[in-house]
């Protein structure tokens, strides 16, 4: 500014100050836009990372669930086959029990009970 303590600022001085303020304001706006854009990009990256993490966790839980289901299916099949075998083979084993008892007794060298 070209004013001195005794002089009032001129219109040129005021216009120059306004021009400087306008330039500073535009620079501040540009800086703010840059910071906001950077923040937006950072948040977008963090959100995408969170989505990927969530997707990976859901896939792990899905795999655990399906593995648990396969394990339970195997256990259920074993139980069903065992129960079916007992039901089907119990009459056969009861019919052959005396024969098996006498064979085992002969192999051991003892008399079979009569």
N, C-alpha and C. Protein backbone atom coordinates (compact mmCIF):
# COMPACT_ATOMS: atom_id res chain seq x y z
N UNK A 1 0.84 -1.15 0.00
CA UNK A 1 0.00 0.00 0.00
C UNK A 1 0.89 1.23 0.00
N UNK A 2 0.43 2.24 -0.63
CA UNK A 2 1.23 3.46 -0.73
C UNK A 2 0.79 4.52 0.26
N UNK A 3 -0.07 4.13 1.19
CA UNK A 3 -0.55 5.14 2.12
C UNK A 3 0.44 5.32 3.26
N UNK A 4 0.41 6.43 3.82
CA UNK A 4 1.23 6.79 4.98
C UNK A 4 0.26 7.12 6.10
N UNK A 5 0.74 7.27 7.32
CA UNK A 5 -0.18 7.55 8.42
C UNK A 5 -1.05 8.79 8.18
N UNK A 6 -0.57 9.73 7.39
CA UNK A 6 -1.36 10.93 7.17
C UNK A 6 -2.30 10.79 5.99
N UNK A 7 -2.07 9.81 5.12
CA UNK A 7 -2.89 9.70 3.91
C UNK A 7 -3.94 8.61 4.06
N UNK A 8 -5.06 8.82 3.47
CA UNK A 8 -6.11 7.83 3.37
C UNK A 8 -5.78 6.95 2.18
N UNK A 9 -6.16 5.60 2.23
CA UNK A 9 -5.89 4.75 1.09
C UNK A 9 -6.68 5.22 -0.13
N UNK A 10 -6.05 5.07 -1.25
CA UNK A 10 -6.72 5.46 -2.49
C UNK A 10 -7.55 4.31 -3.01
N UNK A 11 -8.35 4.58 -4.04
CA UNK A 11 -9.14 3.52 -4.64
C UNK A 11 -8.24 2.46 -5.27
N UNK A 12 -7.12 2.85 -5.80
CA UNK A 12 -6.16 1.90 -6.38
C UNK A 12 -5.61 0.99 -5.30
N UNK A 13 -5.32 1.54 -4.11
CA UNK A 13 -4.83 0.73 -2.99
C UNK A 13 -5.89 -0.28 -2.56
N UNK A 14 -7.12 0.17 -2.47
CA UNK A 14 -8.22 -0.72 -2.06
C UNK A 14 -8.45 -1.80 -3.12
N UNK A 15 -8.39 -1.40 -4.39
CA UNK A 15 -8.57 -2.37 -5.46
C UNK A 15 -7.45 -3.41 -5.45
N UNK A 16 -6.25 -2.96 -5.16
CA UNK A 16 -5.10 -3.89 -5.09
C UNK A 16 -5.27 -4.85 -3.92
N UNK A 17 -5.73 -4.34 -2.77
CA UNK A 17 -5.98 -5.20 -1.61
C UNK A 17 -7.07 -6.23 -1.93
N UNK A 18 -8.12 -5.77 -2.58
CA UNK A 18 -9.20 -6.68 -2.95
C UNK A 18 -8.69 -7.73 -3.92
N UNK A 19 -7.85 -7.31 -4.86
CA UNK A 19 -7.27 -8.25 -5.82
C UNK A 19 -6.42 -9.29 -5.10
N UNK A 20 -5.59 -8.86 -4.15
CA UNK A 20 -4.76 -9.80 -3.37
C UNK A 20 -5.64 -10.74 -2.55
N UNK A 21 -6.67 -10.20 -1.93
CA UNK A 21 -7.58 -11.03 -1.14
C UNK A 21 -8.28 -12.06 -2.03
N UNK A 22 -8.66 -11.61 -3.22
CA UNK A 22 -9.31 -12.52 -4.15
C UNK A 22 -8.37 -13.65 -4.57
N UNK A 23 -7.13 -13.32 -4.85
CA UNK A 23 -6.13 -14.33 -5.22
C UNK A 23 -5.91 -15.30 -4.06
N UNK A 24 -5.80 -14.78 -2.84
CA UNK A 24 -5.61 -15.62 -1.66
C UNK A 24 -6.83 -16.52 -1.45
N UNK A 25 -8.00 -15.96 -1.66
CA UNK A 25 -9.23 -16.74 -1.51
C UNK A 25 -9.28 -17.86 -2.55
N UNK A 26 -8.95 -17.56 -3.80
CA UNK A 26 -8.94 -18.59 -4.83
C UNK A 26 -7.91 -19.67 -4.52
N UNK A 27 -6.74 -19.25 -4.01
CA UNK A 27 -5.70 -20.22 -3.65
C UNK A 27 -6.18 -21.09 -2.49
N UNK A 28 -6.83 -20.46 -1.52
CA UNK A 28 -7.36 -21.22 -0.39
C UNK A 28 -8.43 -22.21 -0.86
N UNK A 29 -9.27 -21.77 -1.80
CA UNK A 29 -10.29 -22.66 -2.34
C UNK A 29 -9.65 -23.85 -3.06
N UNK A 30 -8.62 -23.58 -3.84
CA UNK A 30 -7.93 -24.65 -4.55
C UNK A 30 -7.27 -25.62 -3.56
N UNK A 31 -6.64 -25.05 -2.52
CA UNK A 31 -6.02 -25.91 -1.51
C UNK A 31 -7.07 -26.77 -0.81
N UNK A 32 -8.18 -26.15 -0.48
CA UNK A 32 -9.27 -26.87 0.20
C UNK A 32 -9.84 -27.96 -0.71
N UNK A 33 -10.04 -27.64 -1.99
CA UNK A 33 -10.53 -28.64 -2.94
C UNK A 33 -9.55 -29.81 -3.03
N UNK A 34 -8.25 -29.49 -3.08
CA UNK A 34 -7.24 -30.56 -3.14
C UNK A 34 -7.28 -31.43 -1.90
N UNK A 35 -7.38 -30.80 -0.73
CA UNK A 35 -7.44 -31.55 0.52
C UNK A 35 -8.71 -32.40 0.59
N UNK A 36 -9.83 -31.81 0.15
CA UNK A 36 -11.09 -32.56 0.15
C UNK A 36 -11.03 -33.74 -0.81
N UNK A 37 -10.45 -33.52 -1.97
CA UNK A 37 -10.31 -34.60 -2.95
C UNK A 37 -9.42 -35.71 -2.39
N UNK A 38 -8.32 -35.32 -1.75
CA UNK A 38 -7.43 -36.31 -1.16
C UNK A 38 -8.14 -37.09 -0.05
N UNK A 39 -8.89 -36.37 0.78
CA UNK A 39 -9.65 -37.03 1.85
C UNK A 39 -10.69 -37.98 1.26
N UNK A 40 -11.35 -37.54 0.19
CA UNK A 40 -12.35 -38.39 -0.46
C UNK A 40 -11.70 -39.64 -1.03
N UNK A 41 -10.56 -39.48 -1.66
CA UNK A 41 -9.85 -40.64 -2.21
C UNK A 41 -9.40 -41.58 -1.09
N UNK A 42 -8.90 -41.01 0.01
CA UNK A 42 -8.49 -41.85 1.15
C UNK A 42 -9.67 -42.63 1.71
N UNK A 43 -10.80 -41.93 1.89
CA UNK A 43 -11.99 -42.60 2.41
C UNK A 43 -12.50 -43.67 1.44
N UNK A 44 -12.43 -43.35 0.16
CA UNK A 44 -12.86 -44.32 -0.85
C UNK A 44 -11.98 -45.56 -0.80
N UNK A 45 -10.67 -45.36 -0.64
CA UNK A 45 -9.76 -46.50 -0.53
C UNK A 45 -10.02 -47.32 0.73
N UNK A 46 -10.24 -46.63 1.85
CA UNK A 46 -10.53 -47.34 3.10
C UNK A 46 -11.85 -48.10 3.00
N UNK A 47 -12.85 -47.49 2.37
CA UNK A 47 -14.14 -48.16 2.19
C UNK A 47 -13.99 -49.39 1.31
N UNK A 48 -13.23 -49.26 0.24
CA UNK A 48 -13.01 -50.41 -0.64
C UNK A 48 -12.26 -51.52 0.09
N UNK A 49 -11.28 -51.14 0.91
CA UNK A 49 -10.54 -52.14 1.69
C UNK A 49 -11.46 -52.83 2.69
N UNK A 50 -12.34 -52.05 3.32
CA UNK A 50 -13.31 -52.63 4.26
C UNK A 50 -14.25 -53.59 3.54
N UNK A 51 -14.67 -53.22 2.35
CA UNK A 51 -15.54 -54.11 1.57
C UNK A 51 -14.82 -55.41 1.23
N UNK A 52 -13.56 -55.30 0.84
CA UNK A 52 -12.79 -56.50 0.51
C UNK A 52 -12.60 -57.37 1.75
N UNK A 53 -12.29 -56.73 2.89
CA UNK A 53 -12.13 -57.48 4.13
C UNK A 53 -13.43 -58.19 4.51
N UNK A 54 -14.55 -57.47 4.38
CA UNK A 54 -15.85 -58.07 4.71
C UNK A 54 -16.17 -59.22 3.77
N UNK A 55 -15.89 -59.03 2.49
CA UNK A 55 -16.14 -60.10 1.51
C UNK A 55 -15.30 -61.33 1.82
N UNK A 56 -14.03 -61.11 2.17
CA UNK A 56 -13.15 -62.24 2.52
C UNK A 56 -13.65 -62.94 3.78
N UNK A 57 -14.10 -62.16 4.76
CA UNK A 57 -14.60 -62.77 6.00
C UNK A 57 -15.88 -63.57 5.74
N UNK A 58 -16.76 -63.05 4.90
CA UNK A 58 -17.99 -63.78 4.55
C UNK A 58 -17.64 -65.08 3.84
N UNK A 59 -16.65 -65.04 2.96
CA UNK A 59 -16.24 -66.26 2.26
C UNK A 59 -15.66 -67.28 3.24
N UNK A 60 -14.86 -66.78 4.22
CA UNK A 60 -14.33 -67.71 5.23
C UNK A 60 -15.45 -68.35 6.04
N UNK A 61 -16.45 -67.54 6.44
CA UNK A 61 -17.57 -68.09 7.20
C UNK A 61 -18.40 -69.04 6.36
N UNK A 62 -18.57 -68.72 5.08
CA UNK A 62 -19.28 -69.64 4.19
C UNK A 62 -18.55 -70.98 4.11
N UNK A 63 -17.24 -70.91 3.95
CA UNK A 63 -16.45 -72.14 3.86
C UNK A 63 -16.54 -72.93 5.16
N UNK A 64 -16.48 -72.25 6.30
CA UNK A 64 -16.63 -72.94 7.59
C UNK A 64 -18.00 -73.61 7.70
N UNK A 65 -19.03 -72.89 7.28
CA UNK A 65 -20.38 -73.45 7.35
C UNK A 65 -20.50 -74.69 6.47
N UNK A 66 -20.02 -74.58 5.23
CA UNK A 66 -20.13 -75.72 4.33
C UNK A 66 -19.28 -76.90 4.80
N UNK A 67 -18.11 -76.62 5.38
CA UNK A 67 -17.28 -77.71 5.93
C UNK A 67 -18.00 -78.37 7.10
N UNK A 68 -18.61 -77.55 7.97
CA UNK A 68 -19.37 -78.08 9.09
C UNK A 68 -20.53 -78.94 8.59
N UNK A 69 -21.20 -78.49 7.53
CA UNK A 69 -22.30 -79.24 6.94
C UNK A 69 -21.81 -80.57 6.37
N UNK A 70 -20.67 -80.54 5.68
CA UNK A 70 -20.11 -81.79 5.13
C UNK A 70 -19.72 -82.74 6.26
N UNK A 71 -19.13 -82.20 7.33
CA UNK A 71 -18.77 -83.05 8.46
C UNK A 71 -20.01 -83.69 9.09
N UNK A 72 -21.05 -82.88 9.27
CA UNK A 72 -22.29 -83.41 9.84
C UNK A 72 -22.93 -84.45 8.93
N UNK A 73 -22.84 -84.23 7.63
CA UNK A 73 -23.38 -85.20 6.69
C UNK A 73 -22.64 -86.53 6.80
N UNK A 74 -21.33 -86.47 6.92
CA UNK A 74 -20.54 -87.70 7.09
C UNK A 74 -20.90 -88.42 8.38
N UNK A 75 -21.06 -87.66 9.46
CA UNK A 75 -21.45 -88.26 10.74
C UNK A 75 -22.84 -88.88 10.64
N UNK A 76 -23.77 -88.19 10.01
CA UNK A 76 -25.13 -88.70 9.87
C UNK A 76 -25.14 -89.99 9.04
N UNK A 77 -24.35 -90.02 7.97
CA UNK A 77 -24.28 -91.24 7.15
C UNK A 77 -23.73 -92.40 7.96
N UNK A 78 -22.69 -92.13 8.75
CA UNK A 78 -22.11 -93.19 9.58
C UNK A 78 -23.13 -93.74 10.57
N UNK A 79 -23.87 -92.85 11.21
CA UNK A 79 -24.88 -93.27 12.18
C UNK A 79 -25.98 -94.08 11.49
N UNK A 80 -26.42 -93.63 10.34
CA UNK A 80 -27.49 -94.34 9.62
C UNK A 80 -27.01 -95.71 9.16
N UNK A 81 -25.80 -95.79 8.63
CA UNK A 81 -25.27 -97.08 8.17
C UNK A 81 -25.09 -98.04 9.35
N UNK A 82 -24.58 -97.52 10.46
CA UNK A 82 -24.40 -98.37 11.65
C UNK A 82 -25.74 -98.88 12.16
N UNK A 83 -26.71 -97.98 12.27
CA UNK A 83 -28.04 -98.40 12.76
C UNK A 83 -28.67 -99.40 11.80
N UNK A 84 -28.56 -99.15 10.51
CA UNK A 84 -29.11 -100.10 9.52
C UNK A 84 -28.43 -101.44 9.60
N UNK A 85 -27.12 -101.44 9.78
CA UNK A 85 -26.39 -102.71 9.88
C UNK A 85 -26.82 -103.49 11.10
N UNK A 86 -27.00 -102.80 12.21
CA UNK A 86 -27.44 -103.48 13.44
C UNK A 86 -28.82 -104.07 13.24
N UNK A 87 -29.71 -103.30 12.65
CA UNK A 87 -31.08 -103.79 12.45
C UNK A 87 -31.09 -104.98 11.49
N UNK A 88 -30.32 -104.90 10.43
CA UNK A 88 -30.32 -105.97 9.43
C UNK A 88 -29.56 -107.19 9.91
N UNK A 89 -28.41 -106.98 10.54
CA UNK A 89 -27.56 -108.11 10.91
C UNK A 89 -27.88 -108.73 12.26
N UNK A 90 -28.65 -108.07 13.10
CA UNK A 90 -28.92 -108.66 14.43
C UNK A 90 -29.64 -110.00 14.35
N UNK A 91 -30.65 -110.19 13.51
CA UNK A 91 -31.27 -111.52 13.43
C UNK A 91 -30.27 -112.58 12.91
N UNK A 92 -29.43 -112.19 11.96
CA UNK A 92 -28.45 -113.13 11.42
C UNK A 92 -27.46 -113.52 12.51
N UNK A 93 -26.98 -112.53 13.26
CA UNK A 93 -26.02 -112.82 14.34
C UNK A 93 -26.67 -113.67 15.44
N UNK A 94 -27.93 -113.43 15.74
CA UNK A 94 -28.62 -114.25 16.74
C UNK A 94 -28.75 -115.69 16.27
N UNK A 95 -28.98 -115.89 14.99
CA UNK A 95 -29.12 -117.25 14.46
C UNK A 95 -27.78 -117.97 14.48
N UNK A 96 -26.69 -117.28 14.21
CA UNK A 96 -25.37 -117.92 14.17
C UNK A 96 -24.64 -117.88 15.50
N UNK A 97 -25.20 -117.26 16.52
CA UNK A 97 -24.52 -117.15 17.81
C UNK A 97 -24.15 -118.51 18.39
N UNK A 98 -25.04 -119.48 18.42
CA UNK A 98 -24.64 -120.78 18.98
C UNK A 98 -23.53 -121.43 18.16
N UNK A 99 -23.57 -121.30 16.85
CA UNK A 99 -22.53 -121.88 16.00
C UNK A 99 -21.20 -121.20 16.29
N UNK A 100 -21.19 -119.88 16.35
CA UNK A 100 -19.96 -119.13 16.63
C UNK A 100 -19.43 -119.47 18.02
N UNK A 101 -20.32 -119.65 18.98
CA UNK A 101 -19.89 -119.98 20.33
C UNK A 101 -19.21 -121.34 20.36
N UNK A 102 -19.77 -122.31 19.66
CA UNK A 102 -19.15 -123.64 19.66
C UNK A 102 -17.82 -123.63 18.91
N UNK A 103 -17.70 -122.85 17.83
CA UNK A 103 -16.43 -122.77 17.09
C UNK A 103 -15.36 -122.14 17.96
N UNK A 104 -15.70 -121.09 18.65
CA UNK A 104 -14.74 -120.42 19.52
C UNK A 104 -14.35 -121.35 20.66
N UNK A 105 -15.31 -122.08 21.20
CA UNK A 105 -15.00 -123.01 22.30
C UNK A 105 -14.06 -124.09 21.83
N UNK A 106 -14.27 -124.63 20.64
CA UNK A 106 -13.37 -125.66 20.10
C UNK A 106 -11.97 -125.10 19.88
N UNK A 107 -11.90 -123.87 19.37
CA UNK A 107 -10.58 -123.25 19.12
C UNK A 107 -9.84 -123.03 20.44
N UNK A 108 -10.58 -122.73 21.49
CA UNK A 108 -9.94 -122.52 22.79
C UNK A 108 -9.70 -123.85 23.53
N UNK A 109 -10.30 -124.91 23.06
CA UNK A 109 -10.09 -126.20 23.66
C UNK A 109 -10.98 -126.46 24.86
N UNK A 110 -12.03 -125.78 24.97
CA UNK A 110 -12.96 -126.01 26.08
C UNK A 110 -14.23 -126.63 25.52
N UNK A 111 -14.99 -127.23 26.40
CA UNK A 111 -16.26 -127.82 25.96
C UNK A 111 -17.29 -126.73 25.78
N UNK A 112 -18.04 -126.82 24.72
CA UNK A 112 -19.10 -125.85 24.46
C UNK A 112 -20.27 -126.18 25.36
N UNK A 113 -20.90 -125.16 25.92
CA UNK A 113 -22.08 -125.42 26.77
C UNK A 113 -23.21 -125.94 25.91
N UNK A 114 -24.01 -126.81 26.50
CA UNK A 114 -25.08 -127.44 25.74
C UNK A 114 -26.40 -126.94 26.17
